Protein backbone atom coordinates (compact mmCIF):
# COMPACT_ATOMS: atom_id res chain seq x y z
CA MET A 1 -101.07 -145.87 102.73
CA ASN A 2 -97.63 -146.15 101.15
CA ASP A 3 -95.41 -143.07 100.92
CA THR A 4 -94.35 -143.07 97.27
CA ARG A 5 -91.79 -140.28 97.51
CA ALA A 6 -88.29 -141.08 96.25
CA PRO A 7 -85.86 -142.50 98.82
CA GLU A 8 -83.74 -139.34 98.65
CA ALA A 9 -86.70 -137.21 99.73
CA THR A 10 -87.51 -139.36 102.74
CA ALA A 11 -83.97 -140.27 103.90
CA THR A 12 -83.56 -137.52 106.53
CA ALA A 13 -86.96 -138.19 108.09
CA ALA A 14 -86.40 -141.95 108.00
CA TRP A 15 -83.25 -141.68 110.12
CA ALA A 16 -84.32 -138.94 112.53
CA ALA A 17 -85.74 -141.57 114.89
CA LEU A 18 -82.55 -143.62 114.62
CA LEU A 19 -80.42 -140.60 115.56
CA SER A 20 -82.75 -140.04 118.49
CA SER A 21 -82.10 -143.60 119.67
CA PHE A 22 -78.34 -143.04 119.34
CA ALA A 23 -78.73 -139.87 121.43
CA GLN A 24 -80.61 -141.82 124.10
CA ALA A 25 -77.65 -144.24 124.16
CA GLY A 26 -75.36 -141.30 124.97
CA TYR A 27 -74.17 -140.17 121.53
CA VAL A 28 -74.32 -136.40 121.02
CA ARG A 29 -75.28 -135.00 117.59
CA ALA A 30 -72.19 -133.74 115.74
CA GLU A 31 -72.31 -131.30 112.80
CA PRO A 32 -68.77 -130.57 111.57
CA PRO A 33 -68.20 -128.03 108.77
CA ILE A 34 -68.62 -129.21 105.19
CA LEU A 35 -65.38 -127.53 104.08
CA GLN A 36 -62.40 -129.32 105.64
CA PRO A 37 -58.58 -129.23 105.45
CA ALA A 38 -57.62 -131.65 102.68
CA GLU A 39 -54.37 -132.89 104.25
CA PRO A 40 -55.89 -135.40 106.72
CA PHE A 41 -57.90 -137.07 103.95
CA LEU A 42 -54.93 -137.13 101.57
CA ASP A 43 -52.62 -138.56 104.23
CA LEU A 44 -54.88 -140.88 106.19
CA SER A 45 -57.78 -142.15 104.06
CA GLY A 46 -57.82 -145.11 101.71
CA GLU A 47 -56.87 -144.77 98.07
CA GLY A 48 -60.53 -144.88 97.00
CA ILE A 49 -61.37 -141.74 98.98
CA ARG A 50 -58.18 -139.93 97.96
CA ARG A 51 -59.04 -140.40 94.29
CA SER A 52 -62.58 -139.08 94.75
CA LEU A 53 -61.95 -135.81 96.63
CA TYR A 54 -63.32 -132.45 95.54
CA LEU A 55 -60.40 -130.10 96.20
CA THR A 56 -60.06 -126.32 96.38
CA SER A 57 -57.86 -123.79 98.18
CA ASP A 58 -58.37 -120.59 100.12
CA PRO A 59 -56.69 -117.23 99.30
CA GLY A 60 -53.88 -118.09 101.70
CA GLY A 61 -53.04 -121.23 99.75
CA GLU A 62 -54.37 -123.81 102.23
CA GLU A 63 -55.69 -126.86 100.39
CA LEU A 64 -59.30 -127.64 101.32
CA CYS A 65 -61.90 -130.19 100.31
CA LEU A 66 -65.58 -130.92 100.60
CA ARG A 67 -65.78 -133.56 103.31
CA PRO A 68 -65.83 -137.01 101.65
CA ASP A 69 -66.60 -138.76 104.92
CA LEU A 70 -67.57 -137.72 108.44
CA THR A 71 -65.23 -139.81 110.62
CA ILE A 72 -62.18 -137.53 110.31
CA PRO A 73 -64.20 -134.26 110.70
CA VAL A 74 -65.93 -135.62 113.83
CA ALA A 75 -62.57 -136.82 115.19
CA ARG A 76 -61.00 -133.39 114.60
CA ASP A 77 -63.86 -131.62 116.41
CA TYR A 78 -63.67 -134.11 119.29
CA LEU A 79 -59.93 -133.56 119.65
CA ALA A 80 -60.37 -129.77 119.68
CA ALA A 81 -62.87 -130.07 122.55
CA HIS A 82 -61.28 -133.01 124.40
CA PRO A 83 -57.48 -132.85 123.93
CA ASP A 84 -56.92 -135.07 126.98
CA GLY A 85 -58.92 -137.93 125.46
CA GLU A 86 -61.81 -138.22 127.91
CA PRO A 87 -64.61 -140.57 126.76
CA ALA A 88 -67.22 -139.05 124.44
CA GLY A 89 -69.55 -140.35 121.75
CA PHE A 90 -71.16 -138.70 118.75
CA CYS A 91 -73.76 -139.45 116.10
CA TYR A 92 -74.33 -137.62 112.84
CA LEU A 93 -76.39 -137.30 109.68
CA GLY A 94 -75.33 -135.03 106.86
CA PRO A 95 -74.11 -134.71 103.28
CA VAL A 96 -70.71 -135.90 102.12
CA PHE A 97 -69.10 -135.38 98.72
CA ARG A 98 -67.17 -137.84 96.55
CA TYR A 99 -66.80 -138.46 92.85
CA ARG A 100 -68.65 -141.74 92.20
CA GLY A 101 -68.75 -142.11 88.45
CA GLY A 102 -72.37 -142.11 87.31
CA LYS A 103 -73.80 -141.70 90.83
CA PRO A 104 -74.57 -138.36 92.52
CA SER A 105 -71.46 -136.86 94.10
CA GLU A 106 -73.41 -135.49 97.07
CA PHE A 107 -75.11 -138.04 99.31
CA LEU A 108 -76.15 -138.51 102.92
CA GLN A 109 -74.09 -140.34 105.49
CA ALA A 110 -75.11 -141.21 109.05
CA GLY A 111 -73.05 -142.84 111.73
CA VAL A 112 -71.64 -143.11 115.24
CA GLU A 113 -68.13 -142.48 116.60
CA SER A 114 -66.89 -143.36 120.10
CA PHE A 115 -63.69 -141.90 121.56
CA GLY A 116 -61.68 -142.49 124.72
CA ARG A 117 -63.17 -145.78 125.93
CA SER A 118 -60.54 -148.11 127.37
CA ASP A 119 -62.94 -151.09 127.34
CA ARG A 120 -62.18 -151.73 123.68
CA ALA A 121 -63.90 -155.10 123.31
CA ALA A 122 -67.13 -153.74 124.82
CA ALA A 123 -67.00 -150.62 122.63
CA ASP A 124 -66.45 -152.77 119.51
CA ALA A 125 -69.42 -154.97 120.37
CA GLU A 126 -71.59 -151.92 121.03
CA MET A 127 -70.73 -150.44 117.63
CA LEU A 128 -71.72 -153.65 115.85
CA ALA A 129 -74.95 -153.87 117.85
CA LEU A 130 -75.86 -150.24 116.99
CA ALA A 131 -75.03 -150.92 113.34
CA CYS A 132 -77.43 -153.87 113.38
CA GLU A 133 -80.10 -151.58 114.87
CA ALA A 134 -79.60 -149.24 111.90
CA THR A 135 -80.38 -151.96 109.37
CA ALA A 136 -83.31 -153.19 111.46
CA ALA A 137 -84.70 -149.63 111.52
CA ALA A 138 -84.83 -149.81 107.72
CA GLY A 139 -86.71 -153.11 107.90
CA VAL A 140 -83.71 -155.03 106.54
CA THR A 141 -83.28 -158.20 108.59
CA ASP A 142 -81.60 -160.61 106.14
CA ILE A 143 -78.09 -159.37 106.91
CA ASP A 144 -74.63 -160.82 106.38
CA ILE A 145 -72.11 -159.55 108.93
CA ARG A 146 -68.52 -159.59 107.66
CA THR A 147 -65.72 -158.94 110.13
CA GLY A 148 -61.95 -158.82 110.38
CA ASP A 149 -59.26 -157.61 112.76
CA VAL A 150 -56.15 -155.67 111.70
CA ALA A 151 -54.76 -156.09 115.23
CA LEU A 152 -54.47 -159.84 114.73
CA PHE A 153 -52.44 -159.34 111.55
CA ILE A 154 -50.18 -156.81 113.30
CA ALA A 155 -49.69 -159.25 116.20
CA LEU A 156 -48.76 -161.99 113.74
CA ILE A 157 -46.20 -159.81 111.91
CA ASP A 158 -44.69 -158.67 115.23
CA ALA A 159 -44.44 -162.27 116.46
CA LEU A 160 -42.61 -163.27 113.28
CA LYS A 161 -39.96 -160.59 113.99
CA LEU A 162 -39.70 -159.49 110.38
CA TYR A 163 -37.29 -156.89 109.07
CA PRO A 164 -38.67 -153.42 109.96
CA VAL A 165 -39.19 -152.47 106.31
CA TRP A 166 -41.29 -155.55 105.64
CA ARG A 167 -43.25 -155.07 108.87
CA ARG A 168 -44.19 -151.52 107.84
CA ARG A 169 -44.97 -152.48 104.28
CA LEU A 170 -47.13 -155.52 105.03
CA ILE A 171 -49.14 -153.71 107.70
CA LYS A 172 -49.63 -150.70 105.40
CA ASP A 173 -50.75 -152.94 102.56
CA PHE A 174 -52.98 -155.20 104.64
CA ASN A 175 -56.16 -153.48 103.47
CA ARG A 176 -54.96 -153.34 99.88
CA LYS A 177 -55.42 -156.90 98.71
CA VAL A 178 -53.48 -156.55 95.43
CA SER A 179 -50.55 -154.80 97.11
CA LEU A 180 -50.41 -157.35 99.92
CA ALA A 181 -50.48 -160.23 97.46
CA GLN A 182 -47.68 -158.61 95.47
CA ASP A 183 -45.60 -158.11 98.60
CA ILE A 184 -45.99 -161.73 99.62
CA GLU A 185 -45.00 -162.81 96.12
CA ARG A 186 -41.89 -160.64 96.30
CA LEU A 187 -41.05 -162.08 99.72
CA THR A 188 -41.07 -165.51 98.12
CA LEU A 189 -38.41 -164.55 95.58
CA ALA A 190 -34.92 -165.38 96.80
CA ALA A 191 -33.01 -163.49 94.10
CA ALA A 192 -31.27 -160.34 95.31
CA PRO A 193 -31.44 -157.13 93.24
CA ALA A 194 -28.69 -156.43 90.76
CA HIS A 195 -25.61 -154.41 91.66
CA ASN A 196 -26.18 -150.66 91.60
CA GLU A 197 -24.29 -147.43 92.26
CA TYR A 198 -25.61 -147.18 95.83
CA GLU A 199 -24.13 -150.48 96.97
CA GLY A 200 -22.24 -148.81 99.83
CA VAL A 201 -25.39 -147.12 101.17
CA LEU A 202 -27.31 -150.39 101.01
CA ALA A 203 -24.56 -152.19 102.92
CA ALA A 204 -24.58 -149.46 105.60
CA LEU A 205 -28.34 -149.83 106.02
CA ALA A 206 -28.31 -153.64 106.40
CA GLY A 207 -30.38 -154.53 109.45
CA SER A 208 -31.29 -150.89 110.20
CA ASP A 209 -34.67 -149.62 111.28
CA ARG A 210 -36.47 -146.69 109.64
CA ASN A 211 -35.15 -144.03 112.05
CA ALA A 212 -31.55 -145.08 111.43
CA ALA A 213 -32.13 -145.10 107.67
CA LEU A 214 -33.71 -141.65 107.78
CA ALA A 215 -30.79 -140.27 109.81
CA LEU A 216 -28.20 -141.69 107.41
CA VAL A 217 -29.95 -140.44 104.27
CA THR A 218 -30.52 -137.02 105.87
CA ASP A 219 -26.80 -136.73 106.61
CA LEU A 220 -25.85 -137.79 103.09
CA MET A 221 -28.26 -135.32 101.48
CA THR A 222 -27.13 -132.51 103.78
CA ILE A 223 -23.56 -133.13 102.67
CA ALA A 224 -24.77 -133.09 99.07
CA GLY A 225 -26.67 -129.84 99.71
CA THR A 226 -30.08 -131.08 98.55
CA THR A 227 -33.45 -131.82 100.15
CA ASN A 228 -34.96 -134.00 97.43
CA VAL A 229 -34.01 -136.07 94.40
CA GLY A 230 -36.35 -136.37 91.45
CA GLY A 231 -39.19 -134.91 93.53
CA ARG A 232 -38.79 -137.52 96.31
CA SER A 233 -38.47 -136.34 99.90
CA VAL A 234 -35.74 -137.48 102.29
CA ALA A 235 -38.18 -139.87 103.98
CA GLU A 236 -39.24 -141.39 100.65
CA ILE A 237 -35.62 -141.90 99.59
CA ALA A 238 -34.77 -143.45 102.96
CA ASP A 239 -37.69 -145.86 102.66
CA ARG A 240 -36.60 -146.85 99.16
CA PHE A 241 -33.00 -147.48 100.24
CA LEU A 242 -34.17 -149.45 103.26
CA GLU A 243 -36.42 -151.59 101.08
CA GLN A 244 -33.60 -152.33 98.64
CA SER A 245 -31.25 -153.15 101.50
CA THR A 246 -33.75 -155.61 102.94
CA LEU A 247 -34.39 -157.26 99.56
CA LYS A 248 -30.65 -157.60 99.07
CA GLY A 249 -30.55 -159.75 102.21
CA GLY A 250 -32.72 -162.37 100.49
CA ALA A 251 -36.22 -163.71 101.02
CA LEU A 252 -37.89 -164.39 104.33
CA PRO A 253 -37.61 -167.93 105.69
CA ARG A 254 -40.06 -170.29 104.08
CA ASP A 255 -41.71 -171.13 107.40
CA ALA A 256 -42.56 -167.44 107.97
CA LEU A 257 -44.20 -167.20 104.55
CA GLN A 258 -46.13 -170.40 105.17
CA THR A 259 -47.32 -169.03 108.50
CA ILE A 260 -48.53 -165.77 106.90
CA ASN A 261 -50.40 -167.66 104.18
CA ARG A 262 -51.95 -170.05 106.69
CA PHE A 263 -53.06 -167.09 108.81
CA LEU A 264 -54.66 -165.33 105.83
CA ALA A 265 -56.66 -168.49 104.99
CA ILE A 266 -58.47 -168.55 108.35
CA ALA A 267 -62.21 -167.83 108.01
CA GLY A 268 -65.54 -168.87 109.48
CA THR A 269 -67.65 -167.97 112.49
CA PRO A 270 -65.75 -166.04 115.20
CA GLU A 271 -65.67 -169.11 117.45
CA ALA A 272 -64.35 -171.39 114.69
CA ALA A 273 -61.77 -168.77 113.68
CA SER A 274 -60.56 -168.50 117.26
CA ARG A 275 -59.86 -172.22 117.37
CA GLN A 276 -57.91 -171.99 114.11
CA LEU A 277 -55.92 -169.01 115.39
CA ARG A 278 -54.95 -170.77 118.59
CA ALA A 279 -53.94 -173.88 116.65
CA LEU A 280 -51.74 -171.75 114.38
CA ALA A 281 -50.17 -169.98 117.36
CA ALA A 282 -49.35 -173.31 119.00
CA ASP A 283 -48.01 -174.94 115.84
CA ALA A 284 -45.79 -171.99 114.92
CA SER A 285 -44.87 -171.02 118.51
CA LEU A 286 -46.29 -167.51 118.02
CA ASP A 287 -46.85 -165.11 120.89
CA ILE A 288 -50.25 -163.78 119.77
CA ASP A 289 -52.37 -164.96 122.71
CA ALA A 290 -53.16 -161.43 123.91
CA ALA A 291 -54.63 -160.47 120.52
CA ILE A 292 -56.68 -163.69 120.39
CA ASP A 293 -57.91 -163.12 123.97
CA GLN A 294 -59.14 -159.65 122.94
CA PHE A 295 -60.82 -161.22 119.91
CA ASP A 296 -62.57 -163.80 122.13
CA SER A 297 -63.65 -161.16 124.63
CA ARG A 298 -65.28 -159.14 121.85
CA THR A 299 -67.01 -162.27 120.52
CA ALA A 300 -68.50 -163.00 123.97
CA LEU A 301 -69.73 -159.40 124.28
CA MET A 302 -71.25 -159.51 120.80
CA LYS A 303 -73.19 -162.62 121.83
CA ALA A 304 -74.27 -160.92 125.07
CA ARG A 305 -75.72 -158.07 122.99
CA GLY A 306 -77.92 -160.50 121.08
CA ILE A 307 -75.86 -160.73 117.90
CA ALA A 308 -76.28 -164.19 116.38
CA LEU A 309 -72.73 -165.45 115.94
CA ASP A 310 -73.73 -167.90 113.21
CA ALA A 311 -74.64 -164.84 111.09
CA VAL A 312 -71.15 -163.37 111.58
CA ARG A 313 -68.42 -164.34 109.15
CA PHE A 314 -64.87 -163.57 110.25
CA SER A 315 -61.87 -163.61 107.93
CA THR A 316 -58.27 -162.81 108.83
CA ALA A 317 -57.83 -161.43 105.29
CA PHE A 318 -60.78 -159.03 105.58
CA GLY A 319 -59.87 -155.36 105.26
CA ARG A 320 -61.84 -152.24 104.33
CA GLY A 321 -59.17 -150.29 102.45
CA VAL A 322 -58.98 -147.49 105.03
CA ASP A 323 -55.40 -146.72 106.06
CA TYR A 324 -56.13 -145.65 109.63
CA TYR A 325 -57.91 -148.80 110.89
CA THR A 326 -55.99 -150.60 113.64
CA GLY A 327 -58.30 -153.33 114.95
CA PHE A 328 -61.84 -154.66 114.57
CA GLU A 329 -63.46 -154.01 111.17
CA PHE A 330 -66.94 -154.87 109.95
CA GLU A 331 -69.45 -154.50 107.16
CA LEU A 332 -73.17 -155.27 107.06
CA HIS A 333 -74.54 -156.46 103.73
CA ARG A 334 -77.99 -157.51 102.64
CA LYS A 335 -77.78 -161.18 101.75
CA GLY A 336 -77.16 -161.66 98.04
CA ASN A 337 -76.40 -157.95 97.56
CA GLY A 338 -72.82 -158.28 96.34
CA ASP A 339 -69.95 -156.23 97.71
CA ASP A 340 -71.70 -152.93 98.49
CA PRO A 341 -72.09 -152.54 102.28
CA LEU A 342 -75.08 -150.95 103.98
CA VAL A 343 -73.13 -150.15 107.15
CA ALA A 344 -69.36 -150.26 107.64
CA GLY A 345 -66.90 -149.35 110.35
CA GLY A 346 -64.12 -150.35 112.66
CA ARG A 347 -61.50 -149.42 115.25
CA TYR A 348 -58.97 -146.67 114.55
CA ASP A 349 -56.92 -146.12 117.71
CA GLY A 350 -54.04 -144.49 115.83
CA LEU A 351 -56.02 -141.78 114.05
CA LEU A 352 -56.18 -139.19 116.84
CA THR A 353 -52.40 -139.04 117.32
CA ARG A 354 -52.02 -138.54 113.57
CA LEU A 355 -54.49 -135.65 113.90
CA GLY A 356 -52.40 -134.07 116.67
CA ALA A 357 -53.29 -135.82 119.96
CA ALA A 358 -50.40 -135.96 122.42
CA ALA A 359 -51.09 -139.62 123.24
CA PRO A 360 -53.08 -142.45 121.62
CA ILE A 361 -56.85 -142.26 122.15
CA PRO A 362 -59.06 -145.35 121.63
CA ALA A 363 -61.63 -144.80 118.89
CA VAL A 364 -64.21 -146.91 117.06
CA GLY A 365 -67.23 -146.13 114.92
CA PHE A 366 -69.25 -146.82 111.80
CA SER A 367 -70.94 -145.12 108.87
CA ILE A 368 -74.40 -145.84 107.47
CA TRP A 369 -74.96 -145.65 103.73
CA VAL A 370 -78.29 -143.84 104.04
CA GLU A 371 -78.87 -143.85 100.29
CA ALA A 372 -78.69 -147.66 100.09
CA LEU A 373 -80.69 -148.32 103.25
CA ALA A 374 -83.35 -145.76 102.36
CA GLY A 375 -83.72 -147.41 98.96
CA LEU A 376 -84.19 -150.84 100.55
CA ARG A 377 -86.64 -149.40 103.07
CA HIS A 378 -88.65 -147.91 100.22
CA GLN A 379 -88.64 -151.23 98.32
CA ILE A 380 -89.74 -153.17 101.40
CA ALA A 381 -92.49 -150.68 102.17
CA ALA A 382 -93.77 -150.83 98.61
CA ARG A 383 -94.22 -154.60 98.93
CA ILE A 384 -96.09 -154.43 102.25
CA PRO A 385 -99.54 -152.76 102.09
CA GLY A 386 -100.10 -150.17 104.80
CA THR A 387 -96.41 -149.65 105.49
CA VAL A 388 -95.03 -146.11 105.51
CA SER A 389 -91.52 -145.73 104.12
């Protein structure tokens, strides 16, 4: 007999068995507090999450928020218990809170996070395999797997030996397609900015890195007896001067721009993409072999876990819009279901240091959109007599 309750009413029960399977695989149930410090989300999350936060403050003035996602809260709790970065894994199921227009602002999120594993390729492959198990548990088997790798883009930019300001900006904007496209367009323009009153500062910063720019601007502002100008901090002013100084030096060489555009056009199955990446590296004399080797190792481990590689689409331009991702990224979609993912995740090795860790700690995980999967499970069950949703 079909269970005709609404998906929302059956979601927790539907995923209890899945959480149990995650626990059997070594992932401990995590239940971080709903009320969280707002600063990590404001500083580290993508623009979409920052715009959707529900903010408040305590009597002491600390800014707080209802957790909009569970990755950062789980990471904070892990770091508090494991400051030395020993391996540990967690699973979770609980409410999160975001403004979503006409949709409910409170909804369930499930997921898995893995910390401290040095075998990055194996951990990446395991996350994707567990994500596929989540969709299978909902009876959804017609899945498109979309993947990308921020580490490959970072390796490319490093190999091109760009000015530091452009390196920082392009990597920061990688997940923000419009911003990245705008940056590349600006890189193509050869015209230097017009003369301005800070010409001497710009000349002094020519060829500098960010630390040197910050030191110079700090000294100048100390002499001037101020800590900000027009609401901008010293770091923001230094970044702006450094950007203008770099632009004044002219556009990047045409061959570098062509290489970036050729890289961003690579797409296909992981194996086909690997061949294209190696061809690009050879043609442009780029030292990115280590990043491609890691990519190939992950592909082999994905295959070993039973993931059909012909169902996996890789794109060098793929990004999820989350600022703290540093490597492998993925989304699982039901075929023909547009751009809304059912499961999404990736590698974020830099997040723990930004949360206070003394040294980098490897980390990878994914989130399950319980609401969407529970709805599909309910639809599938309704079409199959005798199925319980």
